[in-house]
PDB file of N, CA and C in Angstrom:
ATOM      1  N   MET A   1      14.571 -10.335 -20.716  1.00  0.00           N
ATOM      2  CA  MET A   1      13.877  -9.616 -19.197  1.00  0.00           C
ATOM      3  C   MET A   1      12.535  -8.493 -19.421  1.00  0.00           C
ATOM      4  N   LEU A   2      11.875  -8.786 -18.267  1.00  0.00           N
ATOM      5  CA  LEU A   2      10.798  -8.487 -18.495  1.00  0.00           C
ATOM      6  C   LEU A   2      11.168  -6.651 -18.076  1.00  0.00           C
ATOM      7  N   TYR A   3      11.961  -6.340 -17.586  1.00  0.00           N
ATOM      8  CA  TYR A   3      12.078  -4.360 -17.364  1.00  0.00           C
ATOM      9  C   TYR A   3      12.017  -3.808 -18.731  1.00  0.00           C
ATOM     10  N   PRO A   4      12.879  -4.232 -19.722  1.00  0.00           N
ATOM     11  CA  PRO A   4      13.161  -3.224 -20.361  1.00  0.00           C
ATOM     12  C   PRO A   4      11.510  -2.962 -21.274  1.00  0.00           C
ATOM     13  N   ARG A   5      11.149  -4.137 -21.194  1.00  0.00           N
ATOM     14  CA  ARG A   5       9.494  -3.991 -21.702  1.00  0.00           C
ATOM     15  C   ARG A   5       8.441  -3.216 -21.092  1.00  0.00           C
ATOM     16  N   LEU A   6       8.836  -3.075 -19.764  1.00  0.00           N
ATOM     17  CA  LEU A   6       8.397  -2.637 -18.976  1.00  0.00           C
ATOM     18  C   LEU A   6       8.187  -1.232 -19.037  1.00  0.00           C
ATOM     19  N   LYS A   7       9.359  -0.945 -19.317  1.00  0.00           N
ATOM     20  CA  LYS A   7      10.122   0.549 -19.297  1.00  0.00           C
ATOM     21  C   LYS A   7      10.409   0.903 -17.940  1.00  0.00           C
ATOM     22  N   VAL A   8      10.847   0.113 -17.350  1.00  0.00           N
ATOM     23  CA  VAL A   8      11.956   0.339 -16.169  1.00  0.00           C
ATOM     24  C   VAL A   8      13.550   0.713 -16.557  1.00  0.00           C
ATOM     25  N   ARG A   9      13.610   1.809 -15.980  1.00  0.00           N
ATOM     26  CA  ARG A   9      14.977   1.881 -16.299  1.00  0.00           C
ATOM     27  C   ARG A   9      15.812   1.116 -14.981  1.00  0.00           C
ATOM     28  N   TRP A  10      17.066   0.931 -15.605  1.00  0.00           N
ATOM     29  CA  TRP A  10      17.841   0.357 -14.917  1.00  0.00           C
ATOM     30  C   TRP A  10      18.056   1.064 -13.595  1.00  0.00           C
ATOM     31  N   GLU A  11      17.901   2.233 -13.812  1.00  0.00           N
ATOM     32  CA  GLU A  11      18.748   3.253 -12.325  1.00  0.00           C
ATOM     33  C   GLU A  11      17.870   2.976 -11.522  1.00  0.00           C
ATOM     34  N   LEU A  12      16.680   2.936 -11.919  1.00  0.00           N
ATOM     35  CA  LEU A  12      15.611   2.588 -10.436  1.00  0.00           C
ATOM     36  C   LEU A  12      15.723   1.497 -10.465  1.00  0.00           C
ATOM     37  N   VAL A  13      15.970   0.102 -10.327  1.00  0.00           N
ATOM     38  CA  VAL A  13      16.579  -1.361 -10.111  1.00  0.00           C
ATOM     39  C   VAL A  13      17.642  -0.818  -9.016  1.00  0.00           C
ATOM     40  N   ARG A  14      18.509  -0.492  -9.583  1.00  0.00           N
ATOM     41  CA  ARG A  14      19.870   0.026  -8.637  1.00  0.00           C
ATOM     42  C   ARG A  14      19.396   0.894  -7.157  1.00  0.00           C
ATOM     43  N   GLN A  15      18.715   1.626  -7.933  1.00  0.00           N
ATOM     44  CA  GLN A  15      18.594   2.545  -6.382  1.00  0.00           C
ATOM     45  C   GLN A  15      17.486   1.264  -5.303  1.00  0.00           C
ATOM     46  N   LEU A  16      16.291   1.004  -6.154  1.00  0.00           N
ATOM     47  CA  LEU A  16      16.157  -0.482  -5.457  1.00  0.00           C
ATOM     48  C   LEU A  16      17.385  -1.311  -4.092  1.00  0.00           C
ATOM     49  N   ILE A  17      17.821  -1.489  -4.909  1.00  0.00           N
ATOM     50  CA  ILE A  17      19.092  -3.016  -4.814  1.00  0.00           C
ATOM     51  C   ILE A  17      19.595  -2.024  -3.396  1.00  0.00           C
ATOM     52  N   HIS A  18      19.785  -0.131  -3.889  1.00  0.00           N
ATOM     53  CA  HIS A  18      20.925   0.166  -2.516  1.00  0.00           C
ATOM     54  C   HIS A  18      19.739  -0.080  -1.581  1.00  0.00           C
ATOM     55  N   LEU A  19      18.538   0.368  -1.698  1.00  0.00           N
ATOM     56  CA  LEU A  19      17.416   0.347  -0.225  1.00  0.00           C
ATOM     57  C   LEU A  19      17.618  -0.442   0.314  1.00  0.00           C
ATOM     58  N   LEU A  20      17.403  -1.930  -0.505  1.00  0.00           N
ATOM     59  CA  LEU A  20      17.615  -3.582   0.364  1.00  0.00           C
ATOM     60  C   LEU A  20      18.708  -3.227   0.502  1.00  0.00           C
ATOM     61  N   GLY A  21      19.836  -2.927   0.584  1.00  0.00           N
ATOM     62  CA  GLY A  21      21.238  -2.844   1.678  1.00  0.00           C
ATOM     63  C   GLY A  21      20.886  -1.675   2.330  1.00  0.00           C
ATOM     64  N   THR A  22      20.733  -0.682   2.449  1.00  0.00           N
ATOM     65  CA  THR A  22      20.313  -0.063   3.392  1.00  0.00           C
ATOM     66  C   THR A  22      19.329  -1.166   4.783  1.00  0.00           C
ATOM     67  N   GLU A  23      18.017  -1.592   4.415  1.00  0.00           N
ATOM     68  CA  GLU A  23      17.150  -1.944   4.695  1.00  0.00           C
ATOM     69  C   GLU A  23      17.841  -3.199   5.713  1.00  0.00           C
ATOM     70  N   ILE A  24      18.513  -4.169   5.008  1.00  0.00           N
ATOM     71  CA  ILE A  24      19.121  -5.589   5.658  1.00  0.00           C
ATOM     72  C   ILE A  24      20.214  -5.195   6.544  1.00  0.00           C
ATOM     73  N   ARG A  25      21.111  -3.569   6.104  1.00  0.00           N
ATOM     74  CA  ARG A  25      21.971  -3.139   7.376  1.00  0.00           C
ATOM     75  C   ARG A  25      21.353  -2.614   9.001  1.00  0.00           C
ATOM     76  N   SER A  26      20.292  -2.016   8.267  1.00  0.00           N
ATOM     77  CA  SER A  26      19.420  -1.194   9.639  1.00  0.00           C
ATOM     78  C   SER A  26      18.570  -2.447  10.674  1.00  0.00           C
ATOM     79  N   ARG A  27      18.464  -2.868   9.588  1.00  0.00           N
ATOM     80  CA  ARG A  27      17.255  -4.096  10.400  1.00  0.00           C
ATOM     81  C   ARG A  27      17.813  -5.430  11.062  1.00  0.00           C
ATOM     82  N   LEU A  28      18.591  -6.126  10.746  1.00  0.00           N
ATOM     83  CA  LEU A  28      19.488  -7.029  10.969  1.00  0.00           C
ATOM     84  C   LEU A  28      20.226  -6.816  11.657  1.00  0.00           C
ATOM     85  N   GLU A  29      21.090  -7.966  13.177  1.00  0.00           N
ATOM     86  CA  GLU A  29      22.324  -7.898  13.258  1.00  0.00           C
ATOM     87  C   GLU A  29      23.489  -8.387  12.302  1.00  0.00           C
ATOM     88  N   PRO A  30      24.261  -7.487  12.840  1.00  0.00           N
ATOM     89  CA  PRO A  30      25.656  -7.762  11.548  1.00  0.00           C
ATOM     90  C   PRO A  30      25.919  -8.803  11.405  1.00  0.00           C
ATOM     91  N   GLU A  31      25.611 -10.104  11.826  1.00  0.00           N
ATOM     92  CA  GLU A  31      26.134 -11.078  11.867  1.00  0.00           C
ATOM     93  C   GLU A  31      24.916 -11.727  10.995  1.00  0.00           C
ATOM     94  N   GLN A  32      23.609 -11.397  10.849  1.00  0.00           N
ATOM     95  CA  GLN A  32      22.767 -12.125  10.093  1.00  0.00           C
ATOM     96  C   GLN A  32      22.983 -11.279   8.803  1.00  0.00           C
ATOM     97  N   ALA A  33      23.140  -9.896   9.065  1.00  0.00           N
ATOM     98  CA  ALA A  33      23.699  -8.922   7.746  1.00  0.00           C
ATOM     99  C   ALA A  33      24.586  -9.212   6.828  1.00  0.00           C
ATOM    100  N   ALA A  34      25.609 -10.229   7.367  1.00  0.00           N
ATOM    101  CA  ALA A  34      26.865 -10.747   6.859  1.00  0.00           C
ATOM    102  C   ALA A  34      26.301 -11.702   5.996  1.00  0.00           C
ATOM    103  N   TYR A  35      25.418 -12.637   6.419  1.00  0.00           N
ATOM    104  CA  TYR A  35      25.078 -14.010   5.309  1.00  0.00           C
ATOM    105  C   TYR A  35      24.246 -13.103   4.471  1.00  0.00           C
ATOM    106  N   PHE A  36      24.002 -12.248   4.512  1.00  0.00           N
ATOM    107  CA  PHE A  36      22.829 -11.412   3.097  1.00  0.00           C
ATOM    108  C   PHE A  36      23.533 -11.134   1.866  1.00  0.00           C
ATOM    109  N   PHE A  37      24.542 -10.177   2.748  1.00  0.00           N
ATOM    110  CA  PHE A  37      25.879  -9.551   2.150  1.00  0.00           C
ATOM    111  C   PHE A  37      26.055 -10.172   0.619  1.00  0.00           C
ATOM    112  N   ALA A  38      26.459 -11.639   0.924  1.00  0.00           N
ATOM    113  CA  ALA A  38      26.928 -11.883  -0.537  1.00  0.00           C
ATOM    114  C   ALA A  38      25.479 -11.839  -1.431  1.00  0.00           C
ATOM    115  N   TYR A  39      24.096 -12.297  -1.153  1.00  0.00           N
ATOM    116  CA  TYR A  39      23.477 -12.180  -2.241  1.00  0.00           C
ATOM    117  C   TYR A  39      23.142 -10.614  -2.600  1.00  0.00           C
ATOM    118  N   TYR A  40      23.268  -9.633  -1.435  1.00  0.00           N
ATOM    119  CA  TYR A  40      23.280  -8.333  -2.018  1.00  0.00           C
ATOM    120  C   TYR A  40      24.616  -7.855  -3.051  1.00  0.00           C
ATOM    121  N   GLU A  41      25.767  -8.084  -2.803  1.00  0.00           N
ATOM    122  CA  GLU A  41      26.473  -7.801  -3.633  1.00  0.00           C
ATOM    123  C   GLU A  41      26.246  -8.721  -5.037  1.00  0.00           C
ATOM    124  N   SER A  42      25.741  -9.587  -5.196  1.00  0.00           N
ATOM    125  CA  SER A  42      25.425 -10.204  -6.408  1.00  0.00           C
ATOM    126  C   SER A  42      24.467  -9.519  -6.771  1.00  0.00           C
ATOM    127  N   LEU A  43      23.832  -9.000  -6.381  1.00  0.00           N
ATOM    128  CA  LEU A  43      22.557  -8.309  -7.207  1.00  0.00           C
ATOM    129  C   LEU A  43      23.157  -6.738  -7.888  1.00  0.00           C
ATOM    130  N   GLN A  44      24.100  -6.097  -6.919  1.00  0.00           N
ATOM    131  CA  GLN A  44      24.425  -5.427  -7.452  1.00  0.00           C
ATOM    132  C   GLN A  44      25.516  -5.646  -8.844  1.00  0.00           C
ATOM    133  N   ALA A  45      25.730  -6.612  -8.221  1.00  0.00           N
ATOM    134  CA  ALA A  45      26.936  -6.627 -10.131  1.00  0.00           C
ATOM    135  C   ALA A  45      25.878  -7.058 -11.029  1.00  0.00           C
ATOM    136  N   MET A  46      25.160  -7.655 -11.353  1.00  0.00           N
ATOM    137  CA  MET A  46      24.247  -8.264 -12.226  1.00  0.00           C
ATOM    138  C   MET A  46      23.468  -6.744 -12.031  1.00  0.00           C
ATOM    139  N   PHE A  47      23.272  -5.969 -12.060  1.00  0.00           N
ATOM    140  CA  PHE A  47      22.334  -5.149 -12.435  1.00  0.00           C
ATOM    141  C   PHE A  47      23.712  -3.062 -12.382  1.00  0.00           C
ATOM    142  N   SER A  48      24.780  -3.311 -12.554  1.00  0.00           N
ATOM    143  CA  SER A  48      25.767  -2.699 -12.485  1.00  0.00           C
ATOM    144  C   SER A  48      25.089  -2.048 -13.869  1.00  0.00           C
ATOM    145  N   PRO A  49      25.728  -0.512 -13.828  1.00  0.00           N
ATOM    146  CA  PRO A  49      26.145   0.503 -15.112  1.00  0.00           C
ATOM    147  C   PRO A  49      26.679  -0.297 -16.370  1.00  0.00           C
ATOM    148  N   GLN A  50      27.739  -0.785 -15.816  1.00  0.00           N
ATOM    149  CA  GLN A  50      28.804  -1.603 -16.251  1.00  0.00           C
ATOM    150  C   GLN A  50      27.941  -2.784 -17.805  1.00  0.00           C
ATOM    151  N   LEU A  51      26.448  -3.414 -17.305  1.00  0.00           N
ATOM    152  CA  LEU A  51      26.529  -5.031 -17.566  1.00  0.00           C
ATOM    153  C   LEU A  51      25.112  -3.836 -18.523  1.00  0.00           C
ATOM    154  N   LEU A  52      24.454  -3.402 -17.684  1.00  0.00           N
ATOM    155  CA  LEU A  52      23.447  -2.798 -18.221  1.00  0.00           C
ATOM    156  C   LEU A  52      23.131  -1.203 -17.920  1.00  0.00           C
ATOM    157  N   PRO A  53      23.157  -0.695 -19.140  1.00  0.00           N
ATOM    158  CA  PRO A  53      23.332   0.900 -19.056  1.00  0.00           C
ATOM    159  C   PRO A  53      22.408   1.561 -19.174  1.00  0.00           C
ATOM    160  N   ASP A  54      21.747   2.507 -18.697  1.00  0.00           N
ATOM    161  CA  ASP A  54      20.353   2.549 -19.268  1.00  0.00           C
ATOM    162  C   ASP A  54      20.524   3.244 -20.748  1.00  0.00           C
ATOM    163  N   SER A  55      19.577   3.071 -21.495  1.00  0.00           N
ATOM    164  CA  SER A  55      19.456   3.765 -22.579  1.00  0.00           C
ATOM    165  C   SER A  55      18.164   4.793 -22.482  1.00  0.00           C
ATOM    166  N   LYS A  56      18.453   5.600 -24.057  1.00  0.00           N
ATOM    167  CA  LYS A  56      17.192   6.684 -24.013  1.00  0.00           C
ATOM    168  C   LYS A  56      16.255   6.059 -24.321  1.00  0.00           C
ATOM    169  N   LEU A  57      14.423   6.678 -23.169  1.00  0.00           N
ATOM    170  CA  LEU A  57      13.670   5.717 -23.819  1.00  0.00           C
ATOM    171  C   LEU A  57      12.765   6.882 -24.945  1.00  0.00           C
TER     172      LEU A  57
END
């Protein structure tokens, strides 16, 4: 993946995913947000600390 080569910490990616979820919930109607929530949960799972722990730079 590109993130490690660019020295991007996984914690930053997880924070951005969290902010994406916040924006989805605040800007969409609940019915619309429900459609995107499955994708949001998949992103959370893909970048979870259990799968991608932050390493010391």
